[in-house]
N, C-alpha and C. Protein backbone atom coordinates (compact mmCIF):
# COMPACT_ATOMS: atom_id res chain seq x y z
N MET A 1 21.57 -84.00 15.58
CA MET A 1 21.60 -84.81 16.69
C MET A 1 20.09 -85.58 16.59
N LYS A 2 19.97 -86.80 17.14
CA LYS A 2 18.82 -87.36 16.90
C LYS A 2 17.66 -87.16 17.84
N LYS A 3 16.25 -87.17 17.02
CA LYS A 3 15.05 -87.15 17.62
C LYS A 3 14.53 -88.36 17.96
N VAL A 4 14.44 -88.63 19.60
CA VAL A 4 14.11 -89.89 20.05
C VAL A 4 12.97 -90.02 20.78
N ILE A 5 12.13 -90.66 20.36
CA ILE A 5 10.68 -90.96 21.50
C ILE A 5 11.09 -92.15 22.21
N VAL A 6 11.22 -91.92 23.52
CA VAL A 6 11.51 -92.80 24.81
C VAL A 6 10.00 -93.01 25.36
N ALA A 7 9.68 -94.60 25.11
CA ALA A 7 8.46 -95.11 25.42
C ALA A 7 8.46 -95.97 26.87
N PHE A 8 7.79 -95.53 27.77
CA PHE A 8 7.67 -96.07 28.92
C PHE A 8 6.25 -96.70 29.03
N PRO A 9 6.06 -98.21 28.89
CA PRO A 9 4.91 -98.82 29.05
C PRO A 9 4.85 -99.23 30.37
N GLY A 10 3.75 -98.81 31.10
CA GLY A 10 3.64 -99.31 32.47
C GLY A 10 3.39 -98.02 33.30
N ARG A 11 2.99 -98.13 34.73
CA ARG A 11 2.77 -97.13 35.36
C ARG A 11 3.25 -97.35 36.78
N GLU A 12 4.13 -98.16 37.19
CA GLU A 12 4.86 -98.39 38.42
C GLU A 12 6.30 -98.14 38.17
N TYR A 13 7.11 -97.52 38.64
CA TYR A 13 8.63 -97.38 38.56
C TYR A 13 9.20 -97.14 40.14
N SER A 14 10.23 -98.13 40.03
CA SER A 14 11.02 -97.95 41.48
C SER A 14 11.86 -96.62 41.27
N GLY A 15 12.19 -96.34 42.74
CA GLY A 15 13.18 -95.33 42.98
C GLY A 15 14.37 -95.66 42.53
N ASP A 16 15.17 -96.67 42.02
CA ASP A 16 16.17 -97.07 41.23
C ASP A 16 16.03 -96.72 39.84
N PHE A 17 14.79 -96.86 39.16
CA PHE A 17 14.46 -96.49 37.81
C PHE A 17 14.24 -94.98 37.87
N LEU A 18 13.74 -94.43 38.72
CA LEU A 18 13.48 -93.06 38.71
C LEU A 18 14.98 -92.22 38.51
N MET A 19 15.75 -92.73 39.67
CA MET A 19 17.03 -92.22 39.66
C MET A 19 18.06 -92.35 38.16
N VAL A 20 18.07 -93.66 37.78
CA VAL A 20 18.85 -93.93 36.33
C VAL A 20 18.11 -92.98 35.37
N TRP A 21 16.64 -93.03 35.11
CA TRP A 21 16.28 -92.34 34.22
C TRP A 21 16.55 -90.77 34.31
N SER A 22 16.48 -90.08 35.58
CA SER A 22 16.77 -88.66 35.46
C SER A 22 18.37 -88.41 35.23
N GLU A 23 19.12 -89.40 35.55
CA GLU A 23 20.29 -89.27 35.07
C GLU A 23 20.49 -89.32 33.63
N THR A 24 19.91 -90.30 33.13
CA THR A 24 19.94 -90.41 31.47
C THR A 24 19.35 -89.33 30.65
N LEU A 25 18.17 -88.76 31.26
CA LEU A 25 17.57 -87.62 30.30
C LEU A 25 18.48 -86.57 30.58
N LEU A 26 19.19 -86.11 31.84
CA LEU A 26 20.10 -84.90 31.74
C LEU A 26 21.48 -85.22 30.58
N ALA A 27 21.92 -86.49 30.76
CA ALA A 27 22.85 -86.76 29.93
C ALA A 27 22.45 -86.57 28.54
N LEU A 28 21.40 -87.22 28.26
CA LEU A 28 20.96 -87.16 26.51
C LEU A 28 20.59 -85.53 26.31
N THR A 29 20.01 -84.63 27.02
CA THR A 29 20.12 -83.43 27.06
C THR A 29 21.05 -82.64 26.72
N LYS A 30 22.15 -82.91 27.40
CA LYS A 30 23.47 -82.09 27.62
C LYS A 30 24.24 -82.49 25.99
N GLU A 31 24.21 -83.79 25.59
CA GLU A 31 24.61 -84.16 24.22
C GLU A 31 23.80 -83.68 23.15
N GLY A 32 22.74 -82.93 23.30
CA GLY A 32 21.99 -82.53 22.25
C GLY A 32 20.84 -83.29 21.67
N TYR A 33 20.43 -84.31 22.20
CA TYR A 33 19.60 -85.38 21.73
C TYR A 33 18.15 -84.43 22.02
N GLN A 34 17.30 -84.61 21.23
CA GLN A 34 15.77 -84.02 21.29
C GLN A 34 14.97 -85.35 21.96
N ILE A 35 14.48 -85.28 23.06
CA ILE A 35 13.77 -86.28 23.55
C ILE A 35 12.21 -86.11 23.84
N ALA A 36 11.09 -87.01 23.51
CA ALA A 36 10.08 -87.03 23.74
C ALA A 36 9.73 -88.18 24.37
N LEU A 37 8.97 -87.82 25.46
CA LEU A 37 8.70 -89.11 26.55
C LEU A 37 7.30 -89.47 26.47
N VAL A 38 6.89 -90.86 26.02
CA VAL A 38 5.69 -91.21 25.92
C VAL A 38 5.40 -92.29 26.96
N ASN A 39 4.24 -92.05 28.04
CA ASN A 39 4.02 -93.43 28.79
C ASN A 39 2.64 -93.86 28.90
N GLN A 40 2.30 -94.87 28.70
CA GLN A 40 1.04 -95.45 28.47
C GLN A 40 0.90 -96.76 29.28
N TYR A 41 -0.29 -96.81 29.63
CA TYR A 41 -0.57 -98.35 30.62
C TYR A 41 -1.82 -98.87 30.17
N SER A 42 -1.68 -100.42 30.25
CA SER A 42 -2.93 -101.10 29.83
C SER A 42 -2.87 -102.37 30.43
N SER A 43 -3.80 -102.92 30.98
CA SER A 43 -3.43 -104.39 31.57
C SER A 43 -3.03 -105.49 30.79
N PHE A 44 -3.52 -105.15 29.44
CA PHE A 44 -3.14 -106.13 28.27
C PHE A 44 -1.73 -105.51 27.78
N VAL A 45 -0.76 -106.23 27.97
CA VAL A 45 0.66 -105.76 27.52
C VAL A 45 0.67 -105.18 26.14
N PRO A 46 0.35 -105.97 25.17
CA PRO A 46 0.17 -105.60 23.64
C PRO A 46 -0.49 -104.20 23.50
N PHE A 47 -1.46 -103.94 24.28
CA PHE A 47 -2.03 -102.64 24.03
C PHE A 47 -1.41 -101.67 24.54
N ALA A 48 -0.52 -101.57 25.68
CA ALA A 48 0.16 -100.82 26.27
C ALA A 48 1.32 -100.46 25.48
N ARG A 49 1.85 -101.56 24.52
CA ARG A 49 3.08 -101.12 23.84
C ARG A 49 2.63 -100.34 22.47
N MET A 50 1.18 -100.96 22.04
CA MET A 50 0.59 -100.28 20.91
C MET A 50 0.17 -98.62 21.54
N LYS A 51 0.05 -98.27 22.21
CA LYS A 51 -0.34 -97.04 22.77
C LYS A 51 0.95 -96.18 22.75
N THR A 52 2.06 -96.94 23.13
CA THR A 52 3.21 -95.71 23.38
C THR A 52 3.76 -95.51 21.79
N LEU A 53 3.14 -96.13 20.87
CA LEU A 53 3.25 -95.91 19.22
C LEU A 53 2.25 -95.00 18.87
N GLY A 54 1.21 -94.41 19.58
CA GLY A 54 0.12 -93.61 19.34
C GLY A 54 -0.75 -94.27 18.32
N LEU A 55 -1.07 -95.75 18.34
CA LEU A 55 -1.59 -96.37 17.42
C LEU A 55 -3.22 -96.37 17.87
N ASP A 56 -4.03 -96.47 17.16
CA ASP A 56 -5.67 -96.48 17.11
C ASP A 56 -6.22 -97.40 16.38
N VAL A 57 -6.77 -98.35 17.26
CA VAL A 57 -7.73 -99.22 16.32
C VAL A 57 -8.47 -98.70 15.27
N LEU A 58 -9.21 -97.48 15.61
CA LEU A 58 -10.12 -96.93 14.56
C LEU A 58 -9.47 -96.28 13.14
N ARG A 59 -7.91 -96.37 13.31
CA ARG A 59 -7.40 -96.08 12.12
C ARG A 59 -6.98 -96.93 11.03
N GLY A 60 -7.37 -98.28 11.28
CA GLY A 60 -6.98 -99.18 10.14
C GLY A 60 -5.73 -99.82 10.44
N LYS A 61 -5.36 -100.76 9.40
CA LYS A 61 -4.26 -101.59 9.69
C LYS A 61 -2.90 -100.97 9.02
N ASP A 62 -3.05 -99.90 8.04
CA ASP A 62 -2.13 -99.24 7.50
C ASP A 62 -1.78 -98.08 8.11
N GLN A 63 -2.34 -97.76 9.10
CA GLN A 63 -1.90 -96.44 9.99
C GLN A 63 -0.40 -96.34 10.36
N LYS A 64 0.04 -95.14 10.40
CA LYS A 64 1.39 -94.85 10.98
C LYS A 64 1.60 -94.54 12.38
N PRO A 65 2.38 -94.71 13.09
CA PRO A 65 2.72 -94.40 14.21
C PRO A 65 2.44 -93.22 14.57
N PHE A 66 1.98 -92.57 15.66
CA PHE A 66 1.54 -91.24 16.02
C PHE A 66 0.65 -90.57 14.94
N ASP A 67 -0.19 -91.45 14.02
CA ASP A 67 -0.85 -90.80 13.05
C ASP A 67 0.11 -89.97 11.92
N GLY A 68 1.45 -90.50 11.83
CA GLY A 68 2.31 -89.61 10.94
C GLY A 68 2.53 -88.20 11.40
N LYS A 69 2.04 -87.80 12.60
CA LYS A 69 2.21 -86.35 12.79
C LYS A 69 3.52 -86.19 13.60
N LEU A 70 4.38 -87.15 14.13
CA LEU A 70 5.23 -86.74 14.75
C LEU A 70 6.73 -86.95 14.12
N ASP A 71 7.46 -86.04 14.25
CA ASP A 71 8.81 -86.08 13.50
C ASP A 71 9.91 -86.51 14.54
N TYR A 72 10.33 -87.75 14.31
CA TYR A 72 11.36 -88.43 15.06
C TYR A 72 12.16 -89.50 14.27
N ASP A 73 13.41 -89.79 14.62
CA ASP A 73 14.43 -90.51 14.11
C ASP A 73 14.31 -92.00 14.54
N VAL A 74 14.01 -92.06 16.00
CA VAL A 74 14.35 -93.37 16.59
C VAL A 74 13.23 -93.69 17.91
N TRP A 75 12.75 -94.76 17.94
CA TRP A 75 11.88 -95.05 19.15
C TRP A 75 12.55 -96.05 20.03
N LEU A 76 12.46 -95.61 21.13
CA LEU A 76 13.28 -96.47 22.07
C LEU A 76 12.44 -96.72 23.14
N THR A 77 12.21 -97.93 23.26
CA THR A 77 11.19 -98.54 24.33
C THR A 77 11.88 -99.18 25.69
N ILE A 78 11.67 -98.82 26.73
CA ILE A 78 12.33 -99.11 28.09
C ILE A 78 11.36 -99.57 28.93
N ASP A 79 11.31 -100.94 29.49
CA ASP A 79 10.66 -101.54 30.49
C ASP A 79 10.65 -100.87 31.78
N SER A 80 9.63 -100.85 32.69
CA SER A 80 9.81 -100.51 34.04
C SER A 80 10.71 -101.13 34.93
N ASP A 81 11.08 -102.69 34.83
CA ASP A 81 11.89 -103.23 35.37
C ASP A 81 13.04 -103.39 35.09
N VAL A 82 13.87 -102.55 34.06
CA VAL A 82 15.12 -102.46 33.42
C VAL A 82 15.87 -101.32 34.22
N ILE A 83 17.06 -101.66 34.72
CA ILE A 83 17.93 -100.66 35.16
C ILE A 83 19.09 -100.60 34.44
N PHE A 84 19.61 -99.38 33.76
CA PHE A 84 20.43 -98.92 32.67
C PHE A 84 21.18 -97.71 33.09
N THR A 85 22.08 -97.39 32.31
CA THR A 85 22.98 -96.39 32.57
C THR A 85 22.94 -95.46 31.24
N PRO A 86 23.02 -94.07 31.49
CA PRO A 86 23.20 -93.28 30.40
C PRO A 86 24.11 -93.61 29.08
N LYS A 87 25.14 -94.26 29.58
CA LYS A 87 26.01 -94.80 28.35
C LYS A 87 25.31 -95.84 27.47
N GLN A 88 24.85 -96.42 28.25
CA GLN A 88 23.77 -97.71 27.45
C GLN A 88 22.68 -97.01 26.54
N VAL A 89 22.13 -96.27 26.98
CA VAL A 89 21.06 -95.51 26.47
C VAL A 89 21.77 -95.12 25.11
N MET A 90 22.61 -94.30 25.30
CA MET A 90 22.90 -93.58 24.11
C MET A 90 23.71 -94.62 23.03
N GLU A 91 24.41 -95.43 23.54
CA GLU A 91 24.74 -96.45 22.56
C GLU A 91 23.85 -97.09 21.87
N ILE A 92 22.46 -97.36 22.37
CA ILE A 92 21.82 -98.04 21.67
C ILE A 92 20.92 -97.24 20.42
N ILE A 93 20.95 -96.00 20.80
CA ILE A 93 20.43 -95.07 20.08
C ILE A 93 21.51 -94.77 18.68
N GLU A 94 22.55 -94.87 18.97
CA GLU A 94 23.53 -94.64 17.96
C GLU A 94 23.80 -95.57 17.06
N ASP A 95 23.68 -96.83 17.64
CA ASP A 95 23.56 -98.15 17.09
C ASP A 95 22.53 -98.49 15.70
N THR A 96 21.35 -97.43 15.85
CA THR A 96 20.48 -97.57 15.03
C THR A 96 20.94 -97.01 13.53
N ASP A 97 22.12 -96.30 13.33
CA ASP A 97 22.84 -95.87 12.38
C ASP A 97 22.97 -97.02 11.52
N LYS A 98 23.59 -98.04 12.06
CA LYS A 98 23.94 -99.22 11.15
C LYS A 98 23.03 -100.28 11.55
N HIS A 99 22.10 -100.52 12.50
CA HIS A 99 21.17 -101.56 12.91
C HIS A 99 20.08 -100.79 13.26
N PRO A 100 19.05 -101.08 12.19
CA PRO A 100 17.72 -100.52 12.60
C PRO A 100 16.88 -101.07 13.38
N VAL A 101 17.18 -102.11 13.73
CA VAL A 101 16.56 -102.72 15.07
C VAL A 101 17.30 -103.24 15.95
N VAL A 102 17.69 -102.75 17.09
CA VAL A 102 18.65 -103.34 17.88
C VAL A 102 18.50 -102.94 19.28
N SER A 103 18.78 -104.03 20.17
CA SER A 103 18.37 -103.99 21.60
C SER A 103 19.66 -104.58 22.67
N GLY A 104 19.46 -104.34 23.81
CA GLY A 104 20.38 -104.95 24.83
C GLY A 104 19.71 -106.24 25.19
N MET A 105 20.59 -107.03 26.23
CA MET A 105 20.23 -107.95 26.76
C MET A 105 19.86 -107.76 28.34
N TYR A 106 19.24 -108.64 29.06
CA TYR A 106 19.20 -108.85 30.55
C TYR A 106 18.94 -110.24 30.62
N ARG A 107 19.02 -110.44 31.86
CA ARG A 107 19.06 -111.97 32.40
C ARG A 107 17.62 -112.31 32.73
N LEU A 108 17.27 -113.67 32.51
CA LEU A 108 15.78 -113.77 32.84
C LEU A 108 15.86 -114.53 34.18
N GLY A 109 17.04 -115.28 34.46
CA GLY A 109 17.50 -115.94 35.75
C GLY A 109 18.85 -116.11 35.85
N THR A 110 19.35 -117.21 36.58
CA THR A 110 20.63 -117.22 36.66
C THR A 110 21.33 -117.31 35.57
N THR A 111 20.98 -118.24 34.46
CA THR A 111 21.61 -118.49 33.48
C THR A 111 21.16 -118.24 32.04
N GLN A 112 19.75 -117.86 32.02
CA GLN A 112 19.23 -117.52 30.76
C GLN A 112 19.34 -116.14 30.48
N TYR A 113 19.47 -115.56 29.51
CA TYR A 113 19.45 -114.15 28.96
C TYR A 113 18.42 -114.08 27.99
N SER A 114 17.76 -112.62 27.73
CA SER A 114 16.64 -112.38 26.80
C SER A 114 16.50 -113.10 25.35
N PRO A 115 17.67 -112.99 24.79
CA PRO A 115 17.54 -113.34 23.29
C PRO A 115 17.22 -114.84 23.09
N VAL A 116 16.69 -115.03 21.97
CA VAL A 116 16.60 -116.24 21.34
C VAL A 116 17.22 -116.42 20.11
N GLN A 117 18.38 -116.94 19.92
CA GLN A 117 19.02 -116.65 18.67
C GLN A 117 18.69 -117.49 17.51
N GLU A 118 18.01 -118.73 17.69
CA GLU A 118 17.67 -119.41 16.48
C GLU A 118 16.01 -119.79 16.63
N TRP A 119 15.17 -119.73 15.62
CA TRP A 119 13.97 -120.43 15.58
C TRP A 119 14.09 -121.52 15.58
N ASN A 120 14.31 -122.42 16.47
CA ASN A 120 14.64 -123.86 16.24
C ASN A 120 13.56 -124.56 16.80
N THR A 121 12.67 -125.02 15.64
CA THR A 121 11.29 -125.81 16.19
C THR A 121 11.51 -127.02 16.58
N GLU A 122 12.65 -127.73 15.96
CA GLU A 122 12.89 -129.08 16.86
C GLU A 122 13.20 -128.90 17.98
N TYR A 123 13.88 -128.03 18.67
CA TYR A 123 14.12 -127.72 19.98
C TYR A 123 12.79 -127.30 20.80
N PHE A 124 11.86 -126.65 19.90
CA PHE A 124 10.71 -126.24 20.58
C PHE A 124 9.81 -127.53 20.93
N LYS A 125 9.74 -128.58 19.92
CA LYS A 125 9.10 -129.77 20.04
C LYS A 125 9.34 -130.76 21.07
N LYS A 126 10.78 -130.53 21.53
CA LYS A 126 11.38 -131.21 22.54
C LYS A 126 10.79 -130.92 24.08
N ASN A 127 11.07 -129.44 23.87
CA ASN A 127 11.08 -128.61 25.27
C ASN A 127 9.74 -127.68 25.51
N GLY A 128 8.92 -127.62 24.59
CA GLY A 128 7.77 -126.74 24.74
C GLY A 128 8.16 -125.22 24.77
N TYR A 129 9.51 -124.88 24.57
CA TYR A 129 9.87 -123.48 24.36
C TYR A 129 11.22 -123.38 23.45
N PHE A 130 11.32 -122.20 23.02
CA PHE A 130 12.65 -122.17 22.49
C PHE A 130 13.92 -121.72 23.31
N GLU A 131 15.07 -121.92 22.78
CA GLU A 131 16.26 -121.93 23.51
C GLU A 131 16.81 -120.46 23.86
N PHE A 132 16.94 -119.97 24.89
CA PHE A 132 17.24 -118.85 25.32
C PHE A 132 18.78 -118.82 25.23
N MET A 133 19.56 -117.80 24.97
CA MET A 133 20.85 -117.63 24.85
C MET A 133 21.36 -117.62 26.47
N SER A 134 22.60 -118.16 26.55
CA SER A 134 23.01 -118.37 27.83
C SER A 134 24.47 -117.71 28.09
N LYS A 135 25.28 -117.34 29.21
CA LYS A 135 26.37 -117.02 29.18
C LYS A 135 27.51 -117.86 28.23
N ASP A 136 27.51 -119.12 28.22
CA ASP A 136 28.34 -119.92 27.53
C ASP A 136 27.96 -119.79 25.89
N SER A 137 26.79 -119.54 25.63
CA SER A 137 26.51 -119.56 23.84
C SER A 137 26.67 -117.90 23.49
N ILE A 138 27.20 -117.01 24.33
CA ILE A 138 27.67 -115.56 23.93
C ILE A 138 29.16 -115.68 23.68
N ASP A 139 29.32 -115.35 22.29
CA ASP A 139 30.67 -115.26 22.05
C ASP A 139 31.33 -113.86 22.31
N PRO A 140 31.97 -113.73 23.08
CA PRO A 140 32.78 -112.67 23.62
C PRO A 140 33.36 -111.29 22.42
N ASN A 141 33.80 -112.28 21.21
CA ASN A 141 34.39 -111.57 20.20
C ASN A 141 33.33 -110.97 19.18
N LYS A 142 32.02 -111.39 19.28
CA LYS A 142 30.90 -110.51 18.63
C LYS A 142 30.18 -109.64 19.54
N LYS A 143 30.32 -108.37 18.88
CA LYS A 143 29.60 -107.53 19.78
C LYS A 143 28.06 -107.32 19.29
N TYR A 144 27.83 -107.63 17.98
CA TYR A 144 26.39 -107.64 17.45
C TYR A 144 26.21 -108.93 17.02
N ILE A 145 25.01 -109.53 17.15
CA ILE A 145 24.71 -110.65 16.70
C ILE A 145 23.05 -110.59 16.34
N SER A 146 22.62 -111.47 15.20
CA SER A 146 21.50 -111.26 14.72
C SER A 146 20.86 -112.23 15.42
N VAL A 147 19.41 -112.29 15.75
CA VAL A 147 18.50 -112.94 16.57
C VAL A 147 17.45 -113.38 16.03
N ALA A 148 16.35 -114.42 16.35
CA ALA A 148 15.40 -114.61 16.11
C ALA A 148 14.28 -113.56 16.77
N TYR A 149 14.65 -113.53 18.13
CA TYR A 149 13.86 -112.23 18.74
C TYR A 149 14.50 -112.09 20.18
N ASN A 150 14.09 -110.94 20.57
CA ASN A 150 14.71 -110.51 21.84
C ASN A 150 13.45 -109.91 23.02
N GLY A 151 13.68 -109.88 24.11
CA GLY A 151 12.76 -109.20 24.79
C GLY A 151 12.94 -107.90 24.78
N MET A 152 12.02 -106.93 25.19
CA MET A 152 11.78 -105.57 24.69
C MET A 152 12.22 -104.68 25.75
N GLY A 153 13.04 -104.96 27.02
CA GLY A 153 13.45 -104.37 27.93
C GLY A 153 14.17 -102.98 27.50
N LEU A 154 15.13 -103.00 26.71
CA LEU A 154 15.79 -101.97 26.03
C LEU A 154 15.82 -102.33 24.54
N PHE A 155 15.09 -101.68 24.02
CA PHE A 155 14.81 -101.96 22.52
C PHE A 155 14.53 -100.61 21.27
N ALA A 156 15.43 -100.64 20.63
CA ALA A 156 15.15 -99.42 19.86
C ALA A 156 14.85 -99.83 18.22
N CYS A 157 14.31 -99.07 17.36
CA CYS A 157 14.22 -99.37 16.01
C CYS A 157 13.75 -97.85 15.39
N THR A 158 14.31 -97.80 14.22
CA THR A 158 14.01 -96.30 13.37
C THR A 158 12.51 -96.34 12.86
N LYS A 159 12.22 -94.78 12.67
CA LYS A 159 11.24 -94.73 12.00
C LYS A 159 10.77 -95.56 11.16
N GLU A 160 11.54 -95.76 10.04
CA GLU A 160 11.62 -96.25 8.76
C GLU A 160 11.01 -97.79 9.02
N VAL A 161 11.57 -98.58 10.05
CA VAL A 161 11.26 -99.81 10.35
C VAL A 161 9.72 -99.96 11.00
N LEU A 162 9.48 -98.80 11.78
CA LEU A 162 7.97 -98.98 12.34
C LEU A 162 7.11 -98.71 11.37
N GLU A 163 7.24 -97.93 10.34
CA GLU A 163 6.34 -97.36 9.43
C GLU A 163 6.13 -98.59 8.02
N SER A 164 7.07 -99.60 8.33
CA SER A 164 6.95 -100.78 7.48
C SER A 164 5.86 -101.54 7.83
N LEU A 165 5.54 -101.64 9.05
CA LEU A 165 4.67 -102.62 9.76
C LEU A 165 3.07 -102.14 9.82
N LYS A 166 2.32 -103.34 9.97
CA LYS A 166 1.00 -103.19 9.79
C LYS A 166 0.33 -103.25 11.14
N TYR A 167 -0.74 -102.59 11.41
CA TYR A 167 -1.45 -102.71 12.73
C TYR A 167 -2.07 -103.92 12.80
N PRO A 168 -2.24 -104.90 13.81
CA PRO A 168 -1.67 -104.60 15.22
C PRO A 168 -0.11 -104.97 15.05
N TYR A 169 0.53 -104.12 15.56
CA TYR A 169 2.02 -104.29 15.43
C TYR A 169 2.44 -105.78 16.46
N PHE A 170 1.69 -105.92 17.49
CA PHE A 170 2.19 -106.66 18.59
C PHE A 170 1.50 -107.97 18.50
N HIS A 171 0.85 -108.29 17.51
CA HIS A 171 0.26 -109.70 17.21
C HIS A 171 0.63 -110.41 16.14
N HIS A 172 0.92 -111.68 16.22
CA HIS A 172 1.41 -112.68 15.12
C HIS A 172 0.43 -113.99 15.50
N PRO A 173 0.17 -114.75 14.42
CA PRO A 173 -0.61 -115.81 14.39
C PRO A 173 0.25 -116.82 15.31
N PRO A 174 -0.29 -117.86 15.97
CA PRO A 174 0.16 -118.84 16.81
C PRO A 174 1.02 -119.80 16.16
N ILE A 175 2.00 -120.34 16.83
CA ILE A 175 2.93 -121.22 16.29
C ILE A 175 2.12 -122.61 16.43
N GLU A 176 2.10 -123.34 15.05
CA GLU A 176 1.54 -124.32 14.76
C GLU A 176 2.46 -125.47 14.28
N LEU A 177 2.76 -126.83 15.20
CA LEU A 177 3.90 -127.57 14.68
C LEU A 177 3.21 -128.98 14.86
N ASP A 178 3.75 -129.82 13.90
CA ASP A 178 3.03 -131.35 14.23
C ASP A 178 4.20 -132.14 14.79
N LEU A 179 4.04 -132.86 15.74
CA LEU A 179 4.64 -133.62 16.43
C LEU A 179 4.86 -135.11 15.67
N GLU A 180 6.06 -135.79 16.23
CA GLU A 180 6.26 -137.18 15.71
C GLU A 180 5.18 -138.16 16.01
N ASP A 181 4.52 -138.13 17.31
CA ASP A 181 3.74 -138.98 17.69
C ASP A 181 2.27 -138.80 17.26
N GLY A 182 1.96 -137.63 16.12
CA GLY A 182 0.96 -137.39 15.50
C GLY A 182 0.07 -136.17 16.06
N ASN A 183 0.41 -135.91 17.25
CA ASN A 183 -0.06 -134.65 17.89
C ASN A 183 0.44 -133.57 17.13
N SER A 184 -0.40 -132.44 17.31
CA SER A 184 0.06 -131.03 17.02
C SER A 184 0.18 -130.18 18.21
N VAL A 185 0.79 -129.15 18.07
CA VAL A 185 1.02 -127.96 19.00
C VAL A 185 0.63 -126.65 18.39
N THR A 186 -0.13 -126.00 19.44
CA THR A 186 -0.62 -124.60 18.87
C THR A 186 -0.13 -123.98 20.16
N GLU A 187 0.85 -122.79 19.98
CA GLU A 187 1.31 -122.21 20.97
C GLU A 187 0.91 -120.48 20.48
N MET A 188 0.56 -119.92 21.67
CA MET A 188 0.50 -118.34 21.35
C MET A 188 1.84 -117.70 21.64
N VAL A 189 1.94 -116.51 21.17
CA VAL A 189 3.13 -116.14 21.15
C VAL A 189 3.07 -114.66 21.84
N SER A 190 4.05 -114.20 22.74
CA SER A 190 3.96 -113.05 23.54
C SER A 190 4.29 -111.77 22.45
N GLU A 191 3.99 -110.63 22.87
CA GLU A 191 3.99 -109.41 22.41
C GLU A 191 5.43 -109.13 21.61
N ASP A 192 6.24 -109.24 22.35
CA ASP A 192 7.82 -109.30 21.95
C ASP A 192 8.12 -110.00 20.90
N VAL A 193 7.62 -111.29 20.92
CA VAL A 193 7.97 -112.40 19.99
C VAL A 193 7.08 -111.89 18.86
N ALA A 194 6.10 -111.48 19.00
CA ALA A 194 5.34 -111.07 17.79
C ALA A 194 5.79 -110.07 17.17
N PHE A 195 6.39 -108.87 17.74
CA PHE A 195 6.66 -107.62 17.14
C PHE A 195 8.15 -108.07 16.43
N CYS A 196 8.88 -108.89 17.01
CA CYS A 196 10.20 -109.39 16.30
C CYS A 196 9.83 -110.16 15.10
N ARG A 197 8.79 -111.03 14.99
CA ARG A 197 8.51 -111.70 14.06
C ARG A 197 7.92 -111.05 12.86
N ASN A 198 7.05 -109.95 13.21
CA ASN A 198 6.71 -108.90 12.10
C ASN A 198 7.88 -108.30 11.64
N ILE A 199 8.73 -107.71 12.54
CA ILE A 199 9.65 -106.98 11.78
C ILE A 199 10.45 -107.82 10.76
N LYS A 200 10.97 -109.15 11.12
CA LYS A 200 11.46 -109.84 10.38
C LYS A 200 10.74 -110.23 8.99
N GLU A 201 9.56 -110.28 8.86
CA GLU A 201 8.93 -110.73 8.03
C GLU A 201 8.57 -109.41 7.00
N ALA A 202 8.96 -108.08 7.67
CA ALA A 202 9.05 -106.80 6.78
C ALA A 202 10.49 -106.64 6.14
N GLY A 203 11.52 -107.78 6.50
CA GLY A 203 12.73 -107.69 5.69
C GLY A 203 13.78 -107.06 6.53
N TYR A 204 13.57 -106.69 7.98
CA TYR A 204 14.74 -106.30 8.66
C TYR A 204 15.13 -107.31 9.63
N ASP A 205 16.48 -107.19 10.09
CA ASP A 205 17.15 -108.18 10.97
C ASP A 205 16.72 -107.44 12.52
N ILE A 206 16.71 -108.72 13.64
CA ILE A 206 16.89 -108.19 15.12
C ILE A 206 18.31 -108.39 15.41
N THR A 207 18.69 -107.34 15.85
CA THR A 207 20.24 -107.26 16.23
C THR A 207 20.25 -107.01 17.61
N VAL A 208 21.03 -107.75 18.25
CA VAL A 208 21.39 -107.39 19.87
C VAL A 208 22.89 -107.08 19.74
N ASN A 209 23.16 -106.05 20.68
CA ASN A 209 24.34 -105.58 21.09
C ASN A 209 24.85 -106.12 22.31
N THR A 210 25.60 -107.34 22.36
CA THR A 210 25.98 -108.42 23.65
C THR A 210 26.73 -107.60 24.59
N ASN A 211 27.52 -106.20 24.39
CA ASN A 211 28.03 -105.45 25.22
C ASN A 211 27.12 -104.52 26.03
N ILE A 212 25.77 -104.59 25.85
CA ILE A 212 24.91 -104.05 26.41
C ILE A 212 24.17 -104.97 27.41
N VAL A 213 24.17 -105.09 28.54
CA VAL A 213 23.69 -106.10 29.57
C VAL A 213 23.11 -105.31 30.60
N VAL A 214 21.72 -104.84 30.68
CA VAL A 214 21.23 -104.05 31.53
C VAL A 214 20.58 -105.09 32.89
N GLY A 215 20.27 -104.46 33.84
CA GLY A 215 19.73 -104.88 35.24
C GLY A 215 18.28 -105.08 34.89
N HIS A 216 17.83 -106.23 35.49
CA HIS A 216 16.63 -106.73 35.53
C HIS A 216 15.85 -106.83 36.71
N GLU A 217 15.24 -105.98 37.25
CA GLU A 217 14.94 -105.65 38.45
C GLU A 217 13.48 -106.28 38.85
N LYS A 218 13.90 -107.44 39.68
CA LYS A 218 12.90 -108.23 40.26
C LYS A 218 12.80 -108.27 41.72
N LYS A 219 13.06 -109.47 42.39
CA LYS A 219 13.14 -109.15 43.91
C LYS A 219 14.86 -108.53 44.01
N LEU A 220 15.55 -108.69 43.06
CA LEU A 220 16.85 -108.37 43.02
C LEU A 220 17.27 -107.96 41.63
N ILE A 221 18.44 -107.23 41.36
CA ILE A 221 18.95 -106.97 40.20
C ILE A 221 19.88 -108.06 39.63
N LEU A 222 19.51 -108.80 38.56
CA LEU A 222 20.29 -109.78 37.97
C LEU A 222 21.38 -109.26 37.15
């Protein structure tokens, strides 16, 4: 059975989160998974995520997560505002057998979901952001889809993938685009976009399991 590092970046968790995590941990243990929990916090989100991988600026760009000293198969990160079920967590872990980088979806609002399927720079030039997936753009007949990037609310990847990356894992150069009017655009990327871009540049696909739609806990669960 798999050895899984579960990462919780953050320091505040709701009662609902603690209840679903307690239920999930019991279910994972009962099924024979070996679980190690990592919780780290930083006011700068990329640092928080790097800390959940045991990364250290003093070890250089070629360092391995946890300094190569932990034995694990899968790293699963779960954000503090995500509400999930044991079944969803187990499914995403097992998905890594065929999809080394795989994640679930969650709503960003009433119509948008977290994945961006295409790195469509023409769309970005017109709108100032990339096009997030919507209910209408999700094919119900396709359980697994390849995307440009996804949010990291429920996101898993194998040890092999992580060890193919270089420090800092959650940084990527800004997007620079020339517009038709002669102006240019320089846009920073968030840490989840940077991580996905780095993974793709290392030769791996970003896969989304469209059957796994978790709750996104804000003022209400979407």
